[in-house]
Amino acid sequence: MHYTVRVHNVDVVPPRYVLDTLALGPRNPTLDQFNKNTVLAELDLLLEKCSNGNVPHDTINDINIAVVRYIKQCEKQHIPRNLKLTQTFLKKHECLAIPFDKGTGFCLMKAEEYEKKILDILSLPQFEKVETKRKNAKDPTVKEQDRIKEELERLRDEGKVDEELCKELTPVGSQPPRLYGLAKVHKANTPLRPVLSMPGSAYHKVAKKVADWLSVIPEAQINCSTKKVSESVKNIELDEDEEVGPFDVSALYTNVPVREAIMMAADRLYAGDLEKPPVDKETFIKLAELSSLNVVMSTHHGHYKQVDGLAMGSLPAPYLVNVWLR
């Protein structure tokens, strides 16, 4: 079996063509199901940004035509035979190919078990089911977009943000954040790491701006380079009774107290020795809360709200986690 494919509690031996296809990895574009609505939502955001940036109308029109032509080509694209056979196998045996949490590869898992693992995550106290009490109730995604838009307009009317920033942060044509899981194949029983896909959501523009402001905080910097980490510790001299070891925090993101982390980040950002955002401290805190608190997400089990903890996939989350840990 390919080292990039793991089989977890599947009651049938996958044929060779399935393993060969999955071994191409999550980055193989032909494995992705093309969703024209997602592309159109991203196109709306791009055209709005072009319009606000005084891009010539003819150029905007050319972009629009080119993307629509690309969508039509993708819809006509023929799926290779091995991919069709793999999709048929997965559907027939009710299996899913879940990308690895670390590294490159797929974990073959029963769809029923995957959904149970996701539901176990949603059953944690950090999550709350969004109930729709009326049949004609407004869609939760639309409600969240309206809520954020109204809050931004209130801040503008109070003089807390200017017209330009308000317009830049206002969500348009929002898609719901989507919760999915990545397989932790390096751990027993292959638990899932919950990840929230945020681009195109009502929170994304505010989150991106807040993350940009947080990035100037030295304590919030993220060092993902093994080489840099090695170089930073290679000159440390240890006594005979000392040794260096790694530490890991279990379920870190979902257990971070968000308001406390935001307050700590705000105190550091406005301490006086860093470049401040073009808003006052109180407004920064409000915008950070808008992007990171009570995020309503779409799942196979309906809409849920994350009432506490940070979502992996949220742009400000890594910065807030680092500030809180330090």
Protein backbone atom coordinates (compact mmCIF):
# COMPACT_ATOMS: atom_id res chain seq x y z
CA MET A 1 0.00 0.00 0.00
CA HIS A 2 1.14 3.54 -0.70
CA TYR A 3 2.43 5.32 2.38
CA THR A 4 0.24 8.28 1.42
CA VAL A 5 -2.94 6.22 1.87
CA ARG A 6 -4.20 4.82 5.18
CA VAL A 7 -7.26 2.59 5.55
CA HIS A 8 -9.16 3.01 8.83
CA ASN A 9 -11.85 0.51 9.91
CA VAL A 10 -13.06 -0.16 6.37
CA ASP A 11 -14.69 -3.61 6.00
CA VAL A 12 -13.56 -4.13 2.40
CA VAL A 13 -10.10 -4.28 0.85
CA PRO A 14 -9.73 -1.31 -1.53
CA PRO A 15 -8.71 -2.35 -5.06
CA ARG A 16 -5.38 -1.25 -6.43
CA TYR A 17 -6.84 1.45 -8.67
CA VAL A 18 -8.40 3.15 -5.62
CA LEU A 19 -5.06 3.23 -3.79
CA ASP A 20 -3.27 4.47 -6.92
CA THR A 21 -5.81 7.25 -7.40
CA LEU A 22 -5.78 8.38 -3.77
CA ALA A 23 -1.98 8.24 -3.77
CA LEU A 24 -2.04 11.24 -6.11
CA GLY A 25 -2.81 13.24 -2.95
CA PRO A 26 -5.26 15.98 -1.93
CA ARG A 27 -3.63 18.48 -4.27
CA ASN A 28 -4.65 16.52 -7.34
CA PRO A 29 -7.19 18.97 -8.79
CA THR A 30 -9.19 16.33 -10.61
CA LEU A 31 -10.22 14.83 -7.27
CA ASP A 32 -12.05 18.01 -6.31
CA GLN A 33 -15.73 18.39 -7.19
CA PHE A 34 -16.11 21.60 -9.15
CA ASN A 35 -18.59 23.99 -7.55
CA LYS A 36 -19.47 26.89 -9.81
CA ASN A 37 -21.35 28.68 -7.01
CA THR A 38 -18.14 28.95 -4.98
CA VAL A 39 -16.29 30.37 -7.98
CA LEU A 40 -19.09 32.86 -8.66
CA ALA A 41 -19.08 33.98 -5.01
CA GLU A 42 -15.33 34.60 -5.19
CA LEU A 43 -15.84 36.40 -8.52
CA ASP A 44 -18.35 38.78 -6.91
CA LEU A 45 -15.81 39.65 -4.20
CA LEU A 46 -13.08 40.21 -6.80
CA LEU A 47 -15.25 42.42 -9.02
CA GLU A 48 -16.34 44.45 -6.00
CA LYS A 49 -12.71 45.00 -5.02
CA CYS A 50 -11.85 45.96 -8.62
CA SER A 51 -14.73 48.42 -8.69
CA ASN A 52 -13.65 49.99 -5.39
CA GLY A 53 -10.08 50.18 -6.68
CA ASN A 54 -11.09 52.19 -9.72
CA VAL A 55 -10.26 49.37 -12.15
CA PRO A 56 -11.57 50.33 -15.63
CA HIS A 57 -15.03 49.00 -16.44
CA ASP A 58 -13.76 47.27 -19.60
CA THR A 59 -11.20 45.32 -17.55
CA ILE A 60 -13.86 44.28 -15.03
CA ASN A 61 -16.06 43.13 -17.88
CA ASP A 62 -13.17 41.11 -19.40
CA ILE A 63 -12.55 39.39 -16.03
CA ASN A 64 -16.23 38.55 -15.71
CA ILE A 65 -16.40 37.06 -19.22
CA ALA A 66 -13.16 35.07 -18.75
CA VAL A 67 -14.34 33.49 -15.48
CA VAL A 68 -17.75 32.57 -16.90
CA ARG A 69 -15.99 30.97 -19.89
CA TYR A 70 -13.70 29.07 -17.51
CA ILE A 71 -16.72 27.79 -15.53
CA LYS A 72 -18.32 26.46 -18.71
CA GLN A 73 -15.11 24.66 -19.66
CA CYS A 74 -14.82 23.07 -16.22
CA GLU A 75 -18.41 21.83 -16.35
CA LYS A 76 -17.65 20.07 -19.65
CA GLN A 77 -14.44 18.51 -18.38
CA HIS A 78 -14.40 14.70 -18.58
CA ILE A 79 -13.33 12.83 -15.49
CA PRO A 80 -10.61 10.20 -16.10
CA ARG A 81 -11.74 6.58 -15.87
CA ASN A 82 -9.73 5.73 -12.74
CA LEU A 83 -11.31 8.67 -10.93
CA LYS A 84 -14.80 7.61 -11.94
CA LEU A 85 -14.11 4.08 -10.73
CA THR A 86 -12.72 5.41 -7.44
CA GLN A 87 -15.74 7.66 -6.91
CA THR A 88 -18.03 4.70 -7.65
CA PHE A 89 -16.15 2.53 -5.13
CA LEU A 90 -16.37 5.21 -2.42
CA LYS A 91 -20.07 5.73 -3.04
CA LYS A 92 -20.91 2.02 -3.19
CA HIS A 93 -19.12 1.24 0.09
CA GLU A 94 -20.14 4.54 1.75
CA CYS A 95 -16.55 5.61 2.31
CA LEU A 96 -14.79 8.97 2.33
CA ALA A 97 -11.24 9.96 1.47
CA ILE A 98 -10.18 12.30 4.29
CA PRO A 99 -6.97 14.35 3.83
CA PHE A 100 -4.23 13.89 6.44
CA ASP A 101 -3.92 16.48 9.18
CA LYS A 102 -0.12 16.41 8.82
CA GLY A 103 1.71 15.50 5.65
CA THR A 104 0.21 14.64 2.29
CA GLY A 105 -2.18 11.77 1.86
CA PHE A 106 -5.68 10.38 2.30
CA CYS A 107 -7.30 8.31 5.02
CA LEU A 108 -10.01 5.97 3.73
CA MET A 109 -12.80 5.97 6.31
CA LYS A 110 -16.44 4.96 6.49
CA ALA A 111 -18.71 7.96 6.02
CA GLU A 112 -20.73 6.93 9.06
CA GLU A 113 -17.66 6.98 11.31
CA TYR A 114 -16.50 10.32 9.89
CA GLU A 115 -19.89 11.90 10.64
CA LYS A 116 -19.88 10.44 14.16
CA LYS A 117 -16.44 11.95 14.81
CA ILE A 118 -17.66 15.34 13.55
CA LEU A 119 -20.79 15.07 15.70
CA ASP A 120 -18.64 14.25 18.76
CA ILE A 121 -16.75 17.52 18.13
CA LEU A 122 -20.00 19.47 17.75
CA SER A 123 -21.23 17.97 21.04
CA LEU A 124 -18.48 19.78 22.95
CA PRO A 125 -19.63 22.75 25.09
CA GLN A 126 -17.83 25.17 22.73
CA PHE A 127 -20.51 24.54 20.09
CA GLU A 128 -24.21 25.32 20.08
CA LYS A 129 -26.88 24.15 17.61
CA VAL A 130 -28.61 26.99 15.74
CA GLU A 131 -32.30 26.14 15.80
CA THR A 132 -34.71 27.58 13.22
CA LYS A 133 -38.01 28.18 14.99
CA ARG A 134 -40.07 29.28 11.96
CA LYS A 135 -40.32 27.75 8.49
CA ASN A 136 -39.93 31.16 6.87
CA ALA A 137 -37.06 32.22 9.15
CA LYS A 138 -34.16 34.06 7.54
CA ASP A 139 -31.22 31.87 6.57
CA PRO A 140 -28.52 31.91 9.32
CA THR A 141 -25.86 32.95 6.80
CA VAL A 142 -27.91 35.94 5.67
CA LYS A 143 -28.65 36.86 9.29
CA GLU A 144 -24.94 36.84 10.12
CA GLN A 145 -24.11 38.97 7.09
CA ASP A 146 -26.79 41.49 8.08
CA ARG A 147 -25.59 41.50 11.70
CA ILE A 148 -21.98 42.25 10.75
CA LYS A 149 -23.05 44.84 8.18
CA GLU A 150 -25.24 46.63 10.76
CA GLU A 151 -22.43 46.60 13.33
CA LEU A 152 -19.97 48.09 10.84
CA GLU A 153 -22.47 50.79 9.86
CA ARG A 154 -23.00 51.60 13.54
CA LEU A 155 -19.25 51.98 14.04
CA ARG A 156 -19.13 54.22 10.95
CA ASP A 157 -22.02 56.39 12.17
CA GLU A 158 -20.30 56.77 15.55
CA GLY A 159 -17.08 57.87 13.82
CA LYS A 160 -15.18 54.78 14.99
CA VAL A 161 -14.31 53.68 11.42
CA ASP A 162 -14.25 55.82 8.31
CA GLU A 163 -16.39 55.28 5.22
CA GLU A 164 -13.57 53.64 3.27
CA LEU A 165 -12.77 51.07 5.95
CA CYS A 166 -16.46 50.35 6.51
CA LYS A 167 -16.92 49.66 2.81
CA GLU A 168 -13.79 47.50 2.72
CA LEU A 169 -14.98 45.29 5.59
CA THR A 170 -18.67 45.00 4.65
CA PRO A 171 -19.53 41.43 3.53
CA VAL A 172 -21.30 40.84 0.22
CA GLY A 173 -22.79 37.61 -1.15
CA SER A 174 -21.54 35.59 1.79
CA GLN A 175 -21.19 31.81 1.88
CA PRO A 176 -21.47 29.95 5.20
CA PRO A 177 -18.18 28.84 6.79
CA ARG A 178 -17.95 25.08 6.31
CA LEU A 179 -16.73 22.70 9.01
CA TYR A 180 -14.73 19.67 7.94
CA GLY A 181 -12.27 17.29 9.56
CA LEU A 182 -8.70 16.26 8.78
CA ALA A 183 -7.53 12.77 9.76
CA LYS A 184 -4.93 12.56 12.54
CA VAL A 185 -3.46 9.31 11.27
CA HIS A 186 -0.49 9.62 13.65
CA LYS A 187 -2.80 9.16 16.65
CA ALA A 188 -4.74 6.16 17.95
CA ASN A 189 -8.21 5.62 16.47
CA THR A 190 -7.60 8.41 13.92
CA PRO A 191 -9.39 11.38 15.51
CA LEU A 192 -10.32 14.40 13.39
CA ARG A 193 -8.95 17.91 13.57
CA PRO A 194 -11.85 20.33 12.99
CA VAL A 195 -11.11 23.01 10.41
CA LEU A 196 -13.36 25.86 9.34
CA SER A 197 -13.23 27.05 5.74
CA MET A 198 -13.74 30.83 6.09
CA PRO A 199 -13.06 32.46 2.67
CA GLY A 200 -16.20 34.01 1.22
CA SER A 201 -17.94 34.05 4.61
CA ALA A 202 -19.44 37.10 6.31
CA TYR A 203 -16.50 37.12 8.77
CA HIS A 204 -13.65 36.84 6.28
CA LYS A 205 -13.01 40.51 5.39
CA VAL A 206 -13.01 41.62 9.02
CA ALA A 207 -10.89 38.61 10.01
CA LYS A 208 -8.30 39.38 7.33
CA LYS A 209 -7.96 43.00 8.48
CA VAL A 210 -7.72 42.02 12.16
CA ALA A 211 -5.06 39.42 11.31
CA ASP A 212 -3.04 42.05 9.43
CA TRP A 213 -3.11 44.32 12.49
CA LEU A 214 -2.16 41.45 14.83
CA SER A 215 0.78 40.41 12.66
CA VAL A 216 2.94 43.30 13.97
CA ILE A 217 2.95 41.87 17.51
CA PRO A 218 6.30 40.10 18.07
CA GLU A 219 4.77 37.66 20.57
CA ALA A 220 2.18 36.65 17.97
CA GLN A 221 4.67 35.63 15.30
CA ILE A 222 4.38 32.11 13.95
CA ASN A 223 7.57 30.13 13.33
CA CYS A 224 6.82 27.09 11.17
CA SER A 225 10.36 26.58 9.87
CA THR A 226 12.13 23.54 11.29
CA LYS A 227 15.43 25.04 10.22
CA LYS A 228 14.82 28.31 12.09
CA VAL A 229 13.69 26.50 15.22
CA SER A 230 16.80 24.30 15.11
CA GLU A 231 19.09 27.29 14.67
CA SER A 232 17.43 29.13 17.56
CA VAL A 233 18.21 26.33 20.04
CA LYS A 234 21.48 24.88 18.71
CA ASN A 235 23.67 27.18 20.84
CA ILE A 236 21.84 26.50 24.09
CA GLU A 237 24.12 24.77 26.58
CA LEU A 238 22.45 22.33 28.94
CA ASP A 239 23.64 21.01 32.29
CA GLU A 240 24.07 17.27 32.74
CA ASP A 241 20.70 16.96 34.44
CA GLU A 242 18.85 18.95 31.75
CA GLU A 243 17.40 17.97 28.40
CA VAL A 244 15.22 19.59 25.74
CA GLY A 245 11.81 18.11 24.92
CA PRO A 246 8.74 19.11 22.89
CA PHE A 247 5.37 20.01 24.41
CA ASP A 248 1.94 19.76 22.85
CA VAL A 249 -1.37 21.25 23.97
CA SER A 250 -4.42 19.05 23.52
CA ALA A 251 -7.26 20.69 21.53
CA LEU A 252 -5.54 24.08 21.86
CA TYR A 253 -7.64 26.20 19.50
CA THR A 254 -11.05 25.14 20.82
CA ASN A 255 -9.94 25.68 24.44
CA VAL A 256 -8.55 29.22 24.10
CA PRO A 257 -10.72 31.79 25.95
CA VAL A 258 -11.35 34.11 23.01
CA ARG A 259 -12.26 37.32 24.84
CA GLU A 260 -9.26 36.97 27.16
CA ALA A 261 -6.94 36.38 24.18
CA ILE A 262 -8.36 39.40 22.34
CA MET A 263 -7.90 41.63 25.40
CA MET A 264 -4.30 40.46 25.83
CA ALA A 265 -3.60 41.12 22.15
CA ALA A 266 -5.23 44.57 22.34
CA ASP A 267 -3.19 45.52 25.41
CA ARG A 268 0.01 44.54 23.63
CA LEU A 269 -0.94 46.17 20.33
CA TYR A 270 -1.80 49.49 21.98
CA ALA A 271 1.10 49.49 24.49
CA GLY A 272 2.77 52.30 22.55
CA ASP A 273 5.80 50.64 20.93
CA LEU A 274 4.02 49.07 17.92
CA GLU A 275 2.29 50.37 14.83
CA LYS A 276 -1.33 50.90 15.87
CA PRO A 277 -4.35 50.08 13.70
CA PRO A 278 -6.28 53.10 12.27
CA VAL A 279 -9.00 52.53 14.90
CA ASP A 280 -9.06 52.99 18.65
CA LYS A 281 -8.54 50.11 21.07
CA GLU A 282 -12.24 49.65 21.81
CA THR A 283 -13.07 49.42 18.10
CA PHE A 284 -10.24 46.95 17.48
CA ILE A 285 -11.63 44.71 20.23
CA LYS A 286 -15.11 44.92 18.70
CA LEU A 287 -13.84 44.00 15.23
CA ALA A 288 -11.76 41.13 16.63
CA GLU A 289 -14.85 39.82 18.43
CA LEU A 290 -16.92 40.11 15.23
CA SER A 291 -14.40 37.97 13.36
CA SER A 292 -13.77 35.35 16.04
CA LEU A 293 -16.77 35.05 18.37
CA ASN A 294 -20.10 33.26 17.79
CA VAL A 295 -19.13 32.14 14.31
CA VAL A 296 -22.08 30.35 12.65
CA MET A 297 -20.97 27.45 10.48
CA SER A 298 -22.53 24.95 8.12
CA THR A 299 -22.22 21.21 8.84
CA HIS A 300 -23.89 18.01 7.64
CA HIS A 301 -25.87 18.19 10.88
CA GLY A 302 -27.21 21.70 10.27
CA HIS A 303 -25.90 25.10 11.39
CA TYR A 304 -23.84 25.41 14.57
CA LYS A 305 -22.41 28.37 16.46
CA GLN A 306 -18.97 28.26 18.08
CA VAL A 307 -19.67 30.10 21.31
CA ASP A 308 -16.13 29.80 22.67
CA GLY A 309 -12.70 28.74 21.51
CA LEU A 310 -11.02 29.65 18.26
CA ALA A 311 -11.62 27.97 14.92
CA MET A 312 -8.67 26.58 12.99
CA GLY A 313 -9.05 28.26 9.62
CA SER A 314 -9.88 31.67 11.08
CA LEU A 315 -7.14 34.14 10.06
CA PRO A 316 -6.71 35.88 13.47
CA ALA A 317 -6.69 32.57 15.37
CA PRO A 318 -2.94 31.70 15.17
CA TYR A 319 -1.95 35.19 16.32
CA LEU A 320 -4.43 35.18 19.21
CA VAL A 321 -3.31 31.69 20.28
CA ASN A 322 0.35 32.72 20.38
CA VAL A 323 -0.37 35.89 22.35
CA TRP A 324 -2.49 33.96 24.85
CA LEU A 325 0.11 31.22 25.30
CA ARG A 326 2.87 33.74 26.02
